[in-house]
PDB file of N, CA and C in Angstrom:
ATOM      1  N   MET A   1     -11.843  -3.240  -5.925  1.00  0.00           N
ATOM      2  CA  MET A   1     -11.744  -3.874  -4.641  1.00  0.00           C
ATOM      3  C   MET A   1     -11.583  -2.877  -3.500  1.00  0.00           C
ATOM      4  N   PRO A   2     -12.199  -1.726  -3.579  1.00  0.00           N
ATOM      5  CA  PRO A   2     -12.086  -0.761  -2.481  1.00  0.00           C
ATOM      6  C   PRO A   2     -12.530  -1.380  -1.155  1.00  0.00           C
ATOM      7  N   ALA A   3     -11.831  -1.044  -0.099  1.00  0.00           N
ATOM      8  CA  ALA A   3     -12.152  -1.546   1.237  1.00  0.00           C
ATOM      9  C   ALA A   3     -11.571  -0.598   2.275  1.00  0.00           C
ATOM     10  N   LYS A   4     -12.032  -0.763   3.491  1.00  0.00           N
ATOM     11  CA  LYS A   4     -11.522   0.031   4.602  1.00  0.00           C
ATOM     12  C   LYS A   4     -11.384  -0.890   5.797  1.00  0.00           C
ATOM     13  N   GLU A   5     -10.215  -0.890   6.416  1.00  0.00           N
ATOM     14  CA  GLU A   5      -9.948  -1.726   7.584  1.00  0.00           C
ATOM     15  C   GLU A   5      -9.117  -0.951   8.583  1.00  0.00           C
ATOM     16  N   LYS A   6      -9.147  -1.383   9.824  1.00  0.00           N
ATOM     17  CA  LYS A   6      -8.247  -0.851  10.844  1.00  0.00           C
ATOM     18  C   LYS A   6      -7.188  -1.908  11.103  1.00  0.00           C
ATOM     19  N   ARG A   7      -5.945  -1.467  11.255  1.00  0.00           N
ATOM     20  CA  ARG A   7      -4.817  -2.359  11.510  1.00  0.00           C
ATOM     21  C   ARG A   7      -4.018  -1.813  12.684  1.00  0.00           C
ATOM     22  N   LYS A   8      -3.445  -2.712  13.474  1.00  0.00           N
ATOM     23  CA  LYS A   8      -2.578  -2.300  14.578  1.00  0.00           C
ATOM     24  C   LYS A   8      -1.139  -2.241  14.105  1.00  0.00           C
ATOM     25  N   ILE A   9      -0.400  -1.296  14.649  1.00  0.00           N
ATOM     26  CA  ILE A   9       1.023  -1.163  14.355  1.00  0.00           C
ATOM     27  C   ILE A   9       1.782  -2.076  15.312  1.00  0.00           C
ATOM     28  N   ILE A  10       2.720  -2.844  14.767  1.00  0.00           N
ATOM     29  CA  ILE A  10       3.486  -3.815  15.534  1.00  0.00           C
ATOM     30  C   ILE A  10       4.944  -3.347  15.594  1.00  0.00           C
ATOM     31  N   ALA A  11       5.551  -3.434  16.789  1.00  0.00           N
ATOM     32  CA  ALA A  11       6.969  -3.105  16.932  1.00  0.00           C
ATOM     33  C   ALA A  11       7.785  -4.158  16.195  1.00  0.00           C
ATOM     34  N   PHE A  12       8.882  -3.721  15.557  1.00  0.00           N
ATOM     35  CA  PHE A  12       9.711  -4.637  14.782  1.00  0.00           C
ATOM     36  C   PHE A  12      11.164  -4.210  14.882  1.00  0.00           C
ATOM     37  N   GLY A  13      12.008  -5.097  15.363  1.00  0.00           N
ATOM     38  CA  GLY A  13      13.439  -4.806  15.427  1.00  0.00           C
ATOM     39  C   GLY A  13      13.761  -3.640  16.344  1.00  0.00           C
ATOM     40  N   ASP A  14      14.751  -2.860  15.955  1.00  0.00           N
ATOM     41  CA  ASP A  14      15.253  -1.755  16.765  1.00  0.00           C
ATOM     42  C   ASP A  14      14.532  -0.453  16.421  1.00  0.00           C
ATOM     43  N   GLY A  15      13.287  -0.338  16.846  1.00  0.00           N
ATOM     44  CA  GLY A  15      12.536   0.895  16.637  1.00  0.00           C
ATOM     45  C   GLY A  15      11.670   0.907  15.395  1.00  0.00           C
ATOM     46  N   GLY A  16      11.735  -0.145  14.587  1.00  0.00           N
ATOM     47  CA  GLY A  16      10.903  -0.204  13.386  1.00  0.00           C
ATOM     48  C   GLY A  16       9.455  -0.527  13.722  1.00  0.00           C
ATOM     49  N   ARG A  17       8.591  -0.329  12.765  1.00  0.00           N
ATOM     50  CA  ARG A  17       7.168  -0.627  12.923  1.00  0.00           C
ATOM     51  C   ARG A  17       6.667  -1.362  11.689  1.00  0.00           C
ATOM     52  N   VAL A  18       5.649  -2.202  11.869  1.00  0.00           N
ATOM     53  CA  VAL A  18       5.103  -3.008  10.780  1.00  0.00           C
ATOM     54  C   VAL A  18       3.579  -2.926  10.812  1.00  0.00           C
ATOM     55  N   ILE A  19       2.974  -2.870   9.627  1.00  0.00           N
ATOM     56  CA  ILE A  19       1.527  -3.009   9.472  1.00  0.00           C
ATOM     57  C   ILE A  19       1.328  -4.112   8.446  1.00  0.00           C
ATOM     58  N   SER A  20       0.530  -5.113   8.777  1.00  0.00           N
ATOM     59  CA  SER A  20       0.315  -6.202   7.818  1.00  0.00           C
ATOM     60  C   SER A  20      -0.612  -5.748   6.693  1.00  0.00           C
ATOM     61  N   ILE A  21      -0.432  -6.366   5.525  1.00  0.00           N
ATOM     62  CA  ILE A  21      -1.260  -6.067   4.356  1.00  0.00           C
ATOM     63  C   ILE A  21      -2.449  -7.027   4.372  1.00  0.00           C
ATOM     64  N   PRO A  22      -3.669  -6.535   4.194  1.00  0.00           N
ATOM     65  CA  PRO A  22      -4.850  -7.402   4.233  1.00  0.00           C
ATOM     66  C   PRO A  22      -4.775  -8.529   3.183  1.00  0.00           C
ATOM     67  N   LYS A  23      -5.173  -9.728   3.589  1.00  0.00           N
ATOM     68  CA  LYS A  23      -5.126 -10.894   2.705  1.00  0.00           C
ATOM     69  C   LYS A  23      -5.891 -10.683   1.406  1.00  0.00           C
ATOM     70  N   PRO A  24      -7.090 -10.082   1.409  1.00  0.00           N
ATOM     71  CA  PRO A  24      -7.776  -9.868   0.127  1.00  0.00           C
ATOM     72  C   PRO A  24      -6.948  -9.021  -0.850  1.00  0.00           C
ATOM     73  N   PHE A  25      -6.208  -8.022  -0.341  1.00  0.00           N
ATOM     74  CA  PHE A  25      -5.334  -7.191  -1.180  1.00  0.00           C
ATOM     75  C   PHE A  25      -4.190  -8.035  -1.740  1.00  0.00           C
ATOM     76  N   VAL A  26      -3.577  -8.835  -0.866  1.00  0.00           N
ATOM     77  CA  VAL A  26      -2.472  -9.713  -1.276  1.00  0.00           C
ATOM     78  C   VAL A  26      -2.942 -10.689  -2.345  1.00  0.00           C
ATOM     79  N   ASP A  27      -4.087 -11.320  -2.108  1.00  0.00           N
ATOM     80  CA  ASP A  27      -4.624 -12.295  -3.059  1.00  0.00           C
ATOM     81  C   ASP A  27      -4.987 -11.636  -4.389  1.00  0.00           C
ATOM     82  N   TYR A  28      -5.663 -10.495  -4.336  1.00  0.00           N
ATOM     83  CA  TYR A  28      -6.112  -9.800  -5.541  1.00  0.00           C
ATOM     84  C   TYR A  28      -4.932  -9.428  -6.440  1.00  0.00           C
ATOM     85  N   HIS A  29      -3.833  -8.988  -5.811  1.00  0.00           N
ATOM     86  CA  HIS A  29      -2.662  -8.547  -6.566  1.00  0.00           C
ATOM     87  C   HIS A  29      -1.609  -9.647  -6.702  1.00  0.00           C
ATOM     88  N   ASN A  30      -1.953 -10.845  -6.232  1.00  0.00           N
ATOM     89  CA  ASN A  30      -1.068 -12.009  -6.345  1.00  0.00           C
ATOM     90  C   ASN A  30       0.329 -11.709  -5.799  1.00  0.00           C
ATOM     91  N   LEU A  31       0.372 -11.093  -4.610  1.00  0.00           N
ATOM     92  CA  LEU A  31       1.650 -10.729  -3.993  1.00  0.00           C
ATOM     93  C   LEU A  31       2.253 -11.922  -3.264  1.00  0.00           C
ATOM     94  N   LYS A  32       3.549 -12.045  -3.385  1.00  0.00           N
ATOM     95  CA  LYS A  32       4.298 -13.127  -2.751  1.00  0.00           C
ATOM     96  C   LYS A  32       5.384 -12.521  -1.870  1.00  0.00           C
ATOM     97  N   PRO A  33       5.900 -13.298  -0.894  1.00  0.00           N
ATOM     98  CA  PRO A  33       7.013 -12.786  -0.089  1.00  0.00           C
ATOM     99  C   PRO A  33       8.160 -12.328  -0.992  1.00  0.00           C
ATOM    100  N   LYS A  34       8.761 -11.247  -0.636  1.00  0.00           N
ATOM    101  CA  LYS A  34       9.881 -10.605  -1.339  1.00  0.00           C
ATOM    102  C   LYS A  34       9.461  -9.803  -2.567  1.00  0.00           C
ATOM    103  N   ASP A  35       8.162  -9.801  -2.935  1.00  0.00           N
ATOM    104  CA  ASP A  35       7.693  -8.916  -4.008  1.00  0.00           C
ATOM    105  C   ASP A  35       7.874  -7.470  -3.554  1.00  0.00           C
ATOM    106  N   GLU A  36       8.088  -6.582  -4.508  1.00  0.00           N
ATOM    107  CA  GLU A  36       8.227  -5.164  -4.190  1.00  0.00           C
ATOM    108  C   GLU A  36       6.898  -4.445  -4.376  1.00  0.00           C
ATOM    109  N   VAL A  37       6.670  -3.445  -3.531  1.00  0.00           N
ATOM    110  CA  VAL A  37       5.532  -2.543  -3.675  1.00  0.00           C
ATOM    111  C   VAL A  37       6.068  -1.121  -3.583  1.00  0.00           C
ATOM    112  N   GLU A  38       5.351  -0.188  -4.180  1.00  0.00           N
ATOM    113  CA  GLU A  38       5.715   1.225  -4.081  1.00  0.00           C
ATOM    114  C   GLU A  38       4.880   1.820  -2.956  1.00  0.00           C
ATOM    115  N   ILE A  39       5.525   2.604  -2.100  1.00  0.00           N
ATOM    116  CA  ILE A  39       4.826   3.220  -0.971  1.00  0.00           C
ATOM    117  C   ILE A  39       4.920   4.730  -1.111  1.00  0.00           C
ATOM    118  N   LEU A  40       3.763   5.375  -1.141  1.00  0.00           N
ATOM    119  CA  LEU A  40       3.672   6.834  -1.184  1.00  0.00           C
ATOM    120  C   LEU A  40       3.109   7.275   0.162  1.00  0.00           C
ATOM    121  N   TYR A  41       3.703   8.306   0.750  1.00  0.00           N
ATOM    122  CA  TYR A  41       3.188   8.749   2.034  1.00  0.00           C
ATOM    123  C   TYR A  41       3.442  10.216   2.293  1.00  0.00           C
ATOM    124  N   ASP A  42       2.544  10.758   3.059  1.00  0.00           N
ATOM    125  CA  ASP A  42       2.607  12.107   3.599  1.00  0.00           C
ATOM    126  C   ASP A  42       1.746  12.020   4.854  1.00  0.00           C
ATOM    127  N   SER A  43       0.542  12.577   4.820  1.00  0.00           N
ATOM    128  CA  SER A  43      -0.368  12.388   5.944  1.00  0.00           C
ATOM    129  C   SER A  43      -1.214  11.131   5.735  1.00  0.00           C
ATOM    130  N   ILE A  44      -1.072  10.494   4.559  1.00  0.00           N
ATOM    131  CA  ILE A  44      -1.714   9.212   4.271  1.00  0.00           C
ATOM    132  C   ILE A  44      -0.652   8.271   3.714  1.00  0.00           C
ATOM    133  N   LEU A  45      -0.960   6.978   3.715  1.00  0.00           N
ATOM    134  CA  LEU A  45      -0.037   5.964   3.207  1.00  0.00           C
ATOM    135  C   LEU A  45      -0.739   5.204   2.094  1.00  0.00           C
ATOM    136  N   ILE A  46      -0.079   5.089   0.946  1.00  0.00           N
ATOM    137  CA  ILE A  46      -0.652   4.389  -0.206  1.00  0.00           C
ATOM    138  C   ILE A  46       0.334   3.312  -0.640  1.00  0.00           C
ATOM    139  N   ILE A  47      -0.150   2.088  -0.801  1.00  0.00           N
ATOM    140  CA  ILE A  47       0.684   0.975  -1.242  1.00  0.00           C
ATOM    141  C   ILE A  47       0.255   0.601  -2.652  1.00  0.00           C
ATOM    142  N   ILE A  48       1.212   0.627  -3.589  1.00  0.00           N
ATOM    143  CA  ILE A  48       0.925   0.289  -4.980  1.00  0.00           C
ATOM    144  C   ILE A  48       1.742  -0.943  -5.355  1.00  0.00           C
ATOM    145  N   PRO A  49       1.086  -2.055  -5.671  1.00  0.00           N
ATOM    146  CA  PRO A  49       1.819  -3.263  -6.057  1.00  0.00           C
ATOM    147  C   PRO A  49       2.607  -3.034  -7.337  1.00  0.00           C
ATOM    148  N   LYS A  50       3.789  -3.651  -7.424  1.00  0.00           N
ATOM    149  CA  LYS A  50       4.621  -3.545  -8.615  1.00  0.00           C
ATOM    150  C   LYS A  50       3.839  -4.062  -9.817  1.00  0.00           C
ATOM    151  N   GLY A  51       3.857  -3.305 -10.894  1.00  0.00           N
ATOM    152  CA  GLY A  51       3.156  -3.714 -12.104  1.00  0.00           C
ATOM    153  C   GLY A  51       1.680  -3.366 -12.120  1.00  0.00           C
ATOM    154  N   ALA A  52       1.179  -2.689 -11.074  1.00  0.00           N
ATOM    155  CA  ALA A  52      -0.238  -2.316 -11.047  1.00  0.00           C
ATOM    156  C   ALA A  52      -0.548  -1.326 -12.161  1.00  0.00           C
ATOM    157  N   LYS A  53      -1.653  -1.508 -12.809  1.00  0.00           N
ATOM    158  CA  LYS A  53      -2.106  -0.605 -13.869  1.00  0.00           C
ATOM    159  C   LYS A  53      -3.125   0.355 -13.260  1.00  0.00           C
ATOM    160  N   LEU A  54      -2.737   1.622 -13.137  1.00  0.00           N
ATOM    161  CA  LEU A  54      -3.629   2.620 -12.557  1.00  0.00           C
ATOM    162  C   LEU A  54      -4.329   3.397 -13.669  1.00  0.00           C
ATOM    163  N   SER A  55      -5.596   3.685 -13.452  1.00  0.00           N
ATOM    164  CA  SER A  55      -6.339   4.480 -14.418  1.00  0.00           C
ATOM    165  C   SER A  55      -5.772   5.902 -14.434  1.00  0.00           C
ATOM    166  N   GLU A  56      -6.057   6.628 -15.507  1.00  0.00           N
ATOM    167  CA  GLU A  56      -5.601   8.019 -15.595  1.00  0.00           C
ATOM    168  C   GLU A  56      -6.126   8.830 -14.424  1.00  0.00           C
ATOM    169  N   GLU A  57      -7.357   8.546 -14.026  1.00  0.00           N
ATOM    170  CA  GLU A  57      -7.980   9.264 -12.908  1.00  0.00           C
ATOM    171  C   GLU A  57      -7.199   9.025 -11.616  1.00  0.00           C
ATOM    172  N   LYS A  58      -6.814   7.781 -11.354  1.00  0.00           N
ATOM    173  CA  LYS A  58      -6.050   7.475 -10.142  1.00  0.00           C
ATOM    174  C   LYS A  58      -4.652   8.075 -10.215  1.00  0.00           C
ATOM    175  N   GLU A  59      -4.006   8.010 -11.379  1.00  0.00           N
ATOM    176  CA  GLU A  59      -2.683   8.618 -11.551  1.00  0.00           C
ATOM    177  C   GLU A  59      -2.744  10.118 -11.254  1.00  0.00           C
ATOM    178  N   LYS A  60      -3.776  10.778 -11.770  1.00  0.00           N
ATOM    179  CA  LYS A  60      -3.954  12.221 -11.561  1.00  0.00           C
ATOM    180  C   LYS A  60      -4.166  12.516 -10.074  1.00  0.00           C
ATOM    181  N   LEU A  61      -4.990  11.718  -9.415  1.00  0.00           N
ATOM    182  CA  LEU A  61      -5.245  11.905  -7.985  1.00  0.00           C
ATOM    183  C   LEU A  61      -3.978  11.718  -7.182  1.00  0.00           C
ATOM    184  N   LEU A  62      -3.195  10.688  -7.474  1.00  0.00           N
ATOM    185  CA  LEU A  62      -1.944  10.464  -6.768  1.00  0.00           C
ATOM    186  C   LEU A  62      -0.983  11.617  -6.950  1.00  0.00           C
ATOM    187  N   LYS A  63      -0.897  12.130  -8.160  1.00  0.00           N
ATOM    188  CA  LYS A  63      -0.026  13.266  -8.438  1.00  0.00           C
ATOM    189  C   LYS A  63      -0.457  14.478  -7.600  1.00  0.00           C
ATOM    190  N   GLN A  64      -1.767  14.709  -7.506  1.00  0.00           N
ATOM    191  CA  GLN A  64      -2.278  15.830  -6.700  1.00  0.00           C
ATOM    192  C   GLN A  64      -1.968  15.633  -5.220  1.00  0.00           C
ATOM    193  N   LEU A  65      -2.093  14.406  -4.757  1.00  0.00           N
ATOM    194  CA  LEU A  65      -1.824  14.125  -3.341  1.00  0.00           C
ATOM    195  C   LEU A  65      -0.368  14.357  -2.976  1.00  0.00           C
ATOM    196  N   LEU A  66       0.525  14.159  -3.924  1.00  0.00           N
ATOM    197  CA  LEU A  66       1.967  14.284  -3.642  1.00  0.00           C
ATOM    198  C   LEU A  66       2.505  15.683  -3.866  1.00  0.00           C
ATOM    199  N   GLU A  67       1.672  16.616  -4.334  1.00  0.00           N
ATOM    200  CA  GLU A  67       2.136  17.994  -4.551  1.00  0.00           C
ATOM    201  C   GLU A  67       2.216  18.743  -3.245  1.00  0.00           C
TER     202      GLU A  67
END
């Protein structure tokens, strides 16, 4: 389900910021309110749904990105 979208950053609370998750991603991963996701970030942001099964290739790429 690879995709590319632009999203606007929304102010939230006392200095916080929010970016909404695209509906196709939410639907594909069957995400519900209060579900947890793992967030990896540096110069890029990666959201991994809890329980997602990543291929060895993706695991290796993520490890390289975080080094």
